[in-house]
Amino acid sequence: MKKALALALISAAMYACSEQKNTDGTAATNGSTDTTAAAAAATSPTPSLQKVWETDTVLTTVESTLYDKSGGIIYTSNIEGHHSKKDKKGSISQMTPDGKISQLKWVTGLNAPKGMALMNGKLYVTDIDELVEIDVAGAKIAKRYPVKGAAFLNDAATDGKKVYFSDSQTGKVHVLDNGKVSTLAEGMEGINGLALDEKGGLFILDGKGLRNYNPVNKNSRFVNEVVTGGDGLVIIDDSTYIASRWKGEIYLVKNGKEHLLLDTQADSSNTADIDYIRDQKLVLVPTFLKNRVVAYKLEY
């Protein structure tokens, strides 16, 4: 009996030692995993924007920027007059990627030009209640497309085949296809920013947030519902977006989570319809009433 009891005690002690070893080993593994995760997080930079350059205050009421990689040109739309009156004061300027204005009055004769899109050698610009087509080579207005019932046409985007553009007052998305304008979507209160991904997916900023809109079944999938009332929209990749709010905020939205990159409200500097120079990671910010474009380097 004593022998059996002694053997039992020895076995229990050996089992306890074995369990302690396993527990210690597991704890060491978890600690290593936690350390690795913390190190990875530490090497990922906090999303931020750093100013690189800014223009002089000669771009009167600059509302939108658009970068043309093939030509190495930044286009800006300048309202100059009233934002919704047909006063023929609006213009388009051309700039270089380092912030130098190459042609201040490249094209004139517009009213209140806002969003822009390039397709097949033509620059399309929203202008209150019509879409204006500018021949880039000739630097002149080639055609105007009146939009029935339009009130405040705003942003524009293209997939290379069609031009999509929003009306912030009527809550509609229109499309120019083979020279004809039709309505693609409606009922989107506060709509402004538009962008298309490489697969032709349409993304929209409106009063409810950032959504991916399916024109076939008319359904939406919200990417983010915090950044509401957005202005400009840039798609970085399948899970990363940059969105501006006109009042002076720019956000990075990654995996559905928003990160405030810039807040210029204290300086009364607007952040209107932004664009992005991908190979330099430069965000181009039209400041509207500050009459200049500011470029920021993106880190994320």
Protein backbone atom coordinates (compact mmCIF):
# COMPACT_ATOMS: atom_id res chain seq x y z
CA MET A 1 0.00 0.00 0.00
CA LYS A 2 2.82 2.40 0.98
CA LYS A 3 4.67 1.48 -2.19
CA ALA A 4 1.59 2.15 -4.29
CA LEU A 5 1.02 5.47 -2.55
CA ALA A 6 4.64 6.48 -3.14
CA LEU A 7 4.37 5.64 -6.83
CA ALA A 8 1.17 7.66 -7.07
CA LEU A 9 2.82 10.69 -5.47
CA ILE A 10 5.82 10.44 -7.80
CA SER A 11 3.52 10.18 -10.84
CA ALA A 12 1.53 13.22 -9.69
CA ALA A 13 4.70 15.22 -9.20
CA MET A 14 5.99 14.28 -12.65
CA TYR A 15 2.62 15.22 -14.22
CA ALA A 16 2.66 18.59 -12.43
CA CYS A 17 6.18 19.30 -13.68
CA SER A 18 5.13 18.35 -17.19
CA GLU A 19 2.09 20.68 -17.02
CA GLN A 20 4.22 23.54 -15.70
CA LYS A 21 6.63 23.11 -18.61
CA ASN A 22 3.82 23.19 -21.13
CA THR A 23 2.22 26.22 -19.52
CA ASP A 24 5.51 28.09 -19.45
CA GLY A 25 6.15 27.20 -23.08
CA THR A 26 2.70 28.38 -24.15
CA ALA A 27 3.09 31.62 -22.23
CA ALA A 28 6.43 32.23 -23.93
CA THR A 29 4.85 31.64 -27.35
CA ASN A 30 1.99 34.05 -26.64
CA GLY A 31 4.40 36.65 -25.39
CA SER A 32 6.43 36.31 -28.57
CA THR A 33 3.31 36.63 -30.71
CA ASP A 34 2.19 39.73 -28.83
CA THR A 35 5.63 41.27 -29.20
CA THR A 36 5.68 40.57 -32.94
CA ALA A 37 2.23 42.09 -33.39
CA ALA A 38 3.22 45.17 -31.40
CA ALA A 39 6.40 45.56 -33.46
CA ALA A 40 4.41 45.30 -36.70
CA ALA A 41 1.96 47.93 -35.47
CA ALA A 42 4.84 50.19 -34.49
CA THR A 43 6.34 50.02 -37.99
CA SER A 44 3.04 51.01 -39.63
CA PRO A 45 2.96 54.81 -39.83
CA THR A 46 0.02 56.74 -38.45
CA PRO A 47 -1.97 58.03 -41.45
CA SER A 48 -0.93 61.62 -42.08
CA LEU A 49 -0.51 64.40 -44.65
CA GLN A 50 2.60 66.57 -44.90
CA LYS A 51 2.55 69.77 -46.97
CA VAL A 52 4.87 69.68 -49.99
CA TRP A 53 3.94 72.79 -51.96
CA GLU A 54 1.21 75.37 -52.47
CA THR A 55 0.41 77.81 -55.27
CA ASP A 56 0.01 81.56 -55.08
CA THR A 57 -3.52 82.83 -54.46
CA VAL A 58 -4.35 83.30 -58.15
CA LEU A 59 -6.77 80.40 -58.68
CA THR A 60 -9.97 82.26 -57.85
CA THR A 61 -12.50 80.05 -56.06
CA VAL A 62 -10.66 76.89 -57.13
CA GLU A 63 -13.13 74.02 -56.72
CA SER A 64 -11.60 70.93 -58.27
CA THR A 65 -8.26 69.35 -59.23
CA LEU A 66 -7.66 66.61 -61.78
CA TYR A 67 -4.32 65.01 -62.60
CA ASP A 68 -3.59 63.75 -66.11
CA LYS A 69 -0.69 61.30 -65.83
CA SER A 70 -0.21 60.92 -69.59
CA GLY A 71 0.28 64.65 -70.08
CA GLY A 72 1.84 65.42 -66.72
CA ILE A 73 -0.79 68.12 -66.19
CA ILE A 74 -2.95 69.15 -63.25
CA TYR A 75 -6.23 70.78 -64.26
CA THR A 76 -8.11 73.08 -61.90
CA SER A 77 -11.65 74.38 -62.22
CA ASN A 78 -12.06 77.96 -61.03
CA ILE A 79 -15.56 79.28 -60.35
CA GLU A 80 -14.41 82.92 -60.04
CA GLY A 81 -17.97 84.28 -59.98
CA HIS A 82 -21.08 82.94 -58.22
CA HIS A 83 -21.21 79.19 -57.55
CA SER A 84 -24.60 78.76 -59.24
CA LYS A 85 -25.04 81.71 -61.62
CA LYS A 86 -24.43 81.78 -65.36
CA ASP A 87 -22.02 84.69 -65.44
CA LYS A 88 -19.36 83.35 -67.86
CA LYS A 89 -16.61 84.07 -65.32
CA GLY A 90 -15.45 80.49 -64.77
CA SER A 91 -12.21 79.06 -66.15
CA ILE A 92 -9.89 76.05 -66.29
CA SER A 93 -6.19 76.33 -65.45
CA GLN A 94 -3.25 74.02 -66.12
CA MET A 95 -0.45 73.29 -63.65
CA THR A 96 2.66 71.12 -63.47
CA PRO A 97 3.00 68.40 -60.79
CA ASP A 98 5.47 70.55 -58.84
CA GLY A 99 2.87 73.28 -58.31
CA LYS A 100 3.78 75.75 -61.06
CA ILE A 101 0.89 77.30 -62.97
CA SER A 102 1.60 76.88 -66.67
CA GLN A 103 -1.63 78.38 -68.06
CA LEU A 104 -3.85 80.36 -65.74
CA LYS A 105 -6.61 80.95 -68.30
CA TRP A 106 -6.28 77.78 -70.37
CA VAL A 107 -10.02 77.73 -71.17
CA THR A 108 -12.54 80.45 -70.32
CA GLY A 109 -16.23 81.03 -70.96
CA LEU A 110 -17.61 78.67 -68.34
CA ASN A 111 -20.01 79.68 -65.59
CA ALA A 112 -19.36 77.83 -62.33
CA PRO A 113 -17.14 74.85 -63.32
CA LYS A 114 -16.74 72.11 -60.75
CA GLY A 115 -16.00 68.38 -61.23
CA MET A 116 -13.84 67.16 -64.12
CA ALA A 117 -13.14 63.91 -65.96
CA LEU A 118 -10.80 63.08 -68.87
CA MET A 119 -11.85 60.67 -71.62
CA ASN A 120 -10.58 60.18 -75.16
CA GLY A 121 -8.82 63.52 -75.45
CA LYS A 122 -11.73 65.46 -74.01
CA LEU A 123 -12.05 67.15 -70.63
CA TYR A 124 -15.60 66.99 -69.29
CA VAL A 125 -16.62 69.63 -66.75
CA THR A 126 -19.85 70.02 -64.80
CA ASP A 127 -21.27 73.54 -65.08
CA ILE A 128 -24.50 74.17 -63.11
CA ASP A 129 -27.02 72.46 -65.41
CA GLU A 130 -24.87 71.16 -68.25
CA LEU A 131 -21.84 69.00 -68.90
CA VAL A 132 -19.22 70.85 -70.93
CA GLU A 133 -16.89 69.01 -73.30
CA ILE A 134 -13.50 70.64 -73.87
CA ASP A 135 -11.18 69.56 -76.66
CA VAL A 136 -7.81 69.22 -74.91
CA ALA A 137 -5.63 69.53 -78.03
CA GLY A 138 -7.46 72.63 -79.21
CA ALA A 139 -7.98 74.13 -75.73
CA LYS A 140 -11.54 75.12 -76.55
CA ILE A 141 -15.11 74.21 -75.69
CA ALA A 142 -16.31 71.65 -78.21
CA LYS A 143 -19.82 70.86 -76.96
CA ARG A 144 -22.31 71.43 -74.18
CA TYR A 145 -24.74 68.77 -72.95
CA PRO A 146 -27.79 70.30 -71.22
CA VAL A 147 -29.22 68.16 -68.43
CA LYS A 148 -32.97 68.42 -68.04
CA GLY A 149 -34.02 69.31 -64.50
CA ALA A 150 -30.42 69.74 -63.30
CA ALA A 151 -29.80 72.33 -60.59
CA PHE A 152 -26.27 71.95 -59.15
CA LEU A 153 -24.12 69.55 -61.14
CA ASN A 154 -21.03 68.77 -59.13
CA ASP A 155 -18.50 65.93 -59.33
CA ALA A 156 -17.57 63.90 -62.41
CA ALA A 157 -15.78 60.59 -63.05
CA THR A 158 -15.21 58.19 -65.92
CA ASP A 159 -14.52 54.52 -66.55
CA GLY A 160 -13.05 55.32 -69.97
CA LYS A 161 -16.33 54.63 -71.76
CA LYS A 162 -18.89 56.80 -70.00
CA VAL A 163 -18.87 59.97 -67.92
CA TYR A 164 -20.74 59.88 -64.61
CA PHE A 165 -21.67 63.09 -62.81
CA SER A 166 -23.66 64.08 -59.73
CA ASP A 167 -26.27 66.72 -58.95
CA SER A 168 -26.01 67.75 -55.31
CA GLN A 169 -29.33 69.55 -55.28
CA THR A 170 -31.53 66.92 -56.95
CA GLY A 171 -29.73 63.90 -55.46
CA LYS A 172 -29.14 62.27 -58.84
CA VAL A 173 -26.33 60.62 -60.76
CA HIS A 174 -26.35 61.19 -64.50
CA VAL A 175 -24.32 59.47 -67.18
CA LEU A 176 -23.11 60.56 -70.60
CA ASP A 177 -23.00 57.57 -72.92
CA ASN A 178 -22.40 57.90 -76.68
CA GLY A 179 -23.41 61.54 -76.65
CA LYS A 180 -26.63 61.02 -74.72
CA VAL A 181 -27.36 61.99 -71.11
CA SER A 182 -29.55 59.80 -68.90
CA THR A 183 -30.23 59.43 -65.18
CA LEU A 184 -28.53 56.48 -63.51
CA ALA A 185 -29.59 56.91 -59.89
CA GLU A 186 -31.66 59.24 -57.72
CA GLY A 187 -32.77 59.79 -54.15
CA MET A 188 -29.21 60.30 -52.87
CA GLU A 189 -29.50 63.34 -50.66
CA GLY A 190 -26.34 65.41 -50.37
CA ILE A 191 -24.53 63.52 -53.13
CA ASN A 192 -21.27 64.90 -54.45
CA GLY A 193 -18.06 62.87 -54.84
CA LEU A 194 -17.86 60.07 -57.44
CA ALA A 195 -15.08 57.62 -58.29
CA LEU A 196 -14.78 54.38 -60.24
CA ASP A 197 -12.45 51.51 -59.43
CA GLU A 198 -10.47 49.48 -61.96
CA LYS A 199 -13.38 47.04 -62.34
CA GLY A 200 -15.84 49.83 -63.14
CA GLY A 201 -17.44 49.83 -59.70
CA LEU A 202 -19.08 53.15 -58.84
CA PHE A 203 -18.37 54.71 -55.43
CA ILE A 204 -20.37 57.64 -54.10
CA LEU A 205 -20.10 60.19 -51.30
CA ASP A 206 -23.43 61.53 -50.08
CA GLY A 207 -25.25 62.57 -46.93
CA LYS A 208 -25.18 59.01 -45.59
CA GLY A 209 -21.51 58.25 -46.14
CA LEU A 210 -19.32 56.39 -48.63
CA ARG A 211 -21.12 53.71 -50.61
CA ASN A 212 -20.50 51.30 -53.45
CA TYR A 213 -23.48 51.57 -55.81
CA ASN A 214 -24.59 48.80 -58.17
CA PRO A 215 -26.34 50.37 -61.18
CA VAL A 216 -27.78 47.02 -62.27
CA ASN A 217 -29.82 46.14 -59.18
CA LYS A 218 -29.77 49.69 -57.69
CA ASN A 219 -28.41 48.37 -54.39
CA SER A 220 -25.75 50.03 -52.26
CA ARG A 221 -23.10 48.64 -49.95
CA PHE A 222 -21.84 51.14 -47.41
CA VAL A 223 -18.08 51.27 -46.98
CA ASN A 224 -18.23 53.93 -44.25
CA GLU A 225 -21.12 55.81 -42.63
CA VAL A 226 -19.12 58.32 -40.59
CA VAL A 227 -17.64 60.46 -43.37
CA THR A 228 -20.95 61.97 -44.49
CA GLY A 229 -21.44 64.94 -46.78
CA GLY A 230 -18.15 64.31 -48.57
CA ASP A 231 -16.85 66.33 -51.50
CA GLY A 232 -13.89 64.76 -53.32
CA LEU A 233 -13.20 61.02 -53.51
CA VAL A 234 -10.08 59.08 -54.49
CA ILE A 235 -9.76 55.29 -54.61
CA ILE A 236 -6.30 54.07 -53.54
CA ASP A 237 -7.05 50.33 -53.65
CA ASP A 238 -9.86 47.87 -52.91
CA SER A 239 -9.94 48.78 -49.22
CA THR A 240 -8.45 52.29 -49.08
CA TYR A 241 -10.03 55.62 -49.99
CA ILE A 242 -9.39 59.33 -49.47
CA ALA A 243 -12.44 61.54 -48.92
CA SER A 244 -12.64 65.28 -48.40
CA ARG A 245 -15.30 67.39 -46.75
CA TRP A 246 -15.66 70.88 -48.20
CA LYS A 247 -15.59 72.54 -44.76
CA GLY A 248 -11.93 71.60 -44.27
CA GLU A 249 -11.47 67.91 -43.49
CA ILE A 250 -9.73 65.07 -45.31
CA TYR A 251 -10.07 61.44 -44.23
CA LEU A 252 -8.36 58.18 -45.08
CA VAL A 253 -10.88 55.35 -45.03
CA LYS A 254 -9.16 51.96 -44.74
CA ASN A 255 -11.02 48.69 -44.23
CA GLY A 256 -14.11 50.72 -43.42
CA LYS A 257 -12.44 52.71 -40.63
CA GLU A 258 -11.94 56.46 -41.00
CA HIS A 259 -8.77 58.33 -39.98
CA LEU A 260 -8.70 62.14 -39.95
CA LEU A 261 -5.70 63.27 -42.01
CA LEU A 262 -6.23 67.01 -42.17
CA ASP A 263 -8.39 69.65 -40.50
CA THR A 264 -8.02 73.22 -41.79
CA GLN A 265 -11.27 74.60 -40.43
CA ALA A 266 -9.49 76.85 -37.92
CA ASP A 267 -7.79 78.57 -40.88
CA SER A 268 -11.09 78.87 -42.79
CA SER A 269 -9.45 76.89 -45.58
CA ASN A 270 -11.73 74.58 -47.53
CA THR A 271 -10.89 71.13 -48.87
CA ALA A 272 -13.00 70.74 -51.99
CA ASP A 273 -12.76 68.24 -54.86
CA ILE A 274 -9.36 66.56 -54.33
CA ASP A 275 -7.25 64.39 -56.62
CA TYR A 276 -4.14 62.23 -56.22
CA ILE A 277 -0.78 61.81 -57.97
CA ARG A 278 -0.24 58.14 -57.31
CA ASP A 279 3.47 57.75 -58.01
CA GLN A 280 4.32 60.68 -55.72
CA LYS A 281 1.59 59.94 -53.16
CA LEU A 282 0.51 63.57 -53.44
CA VAL A 283 -3.00 64.65 -52.49
CA LEU A 284 -4.03 67.75 -54.45
CA VAL A 285 -6.32 69.99 -52.41
CA PRO A 286 -8.27 72.91 -53.90
CA THR A 287 -8.91 75.39 -51.09
CA PHE A 288 -11.88 77.17 -52.70
CA LEU A 289 -12.11 80.60 -51.04
CA LYS A 290 -8.37 80.61 -50.24
CA ASN A 291 -7.75 80.65 -54.03
CA ARG A 292 -4.85 78.19 -54.05
CA VAL A 293 -4.05 74.50 -54.47
CA VAL A 294 -2.03 72.78 -51.75
CA ALA A 295 -0.25 69.44 -52.24
CA TYR A 296 0.31 67.03 -49.35
CA LYS A 297 2.38 63.84 -49.16
CA LEU A 298 0.30 60.91 -47.92
CA GLU A 299 1.71 58.45 -45.39
CA TYR A 300 -0.34 55.49 -44.17
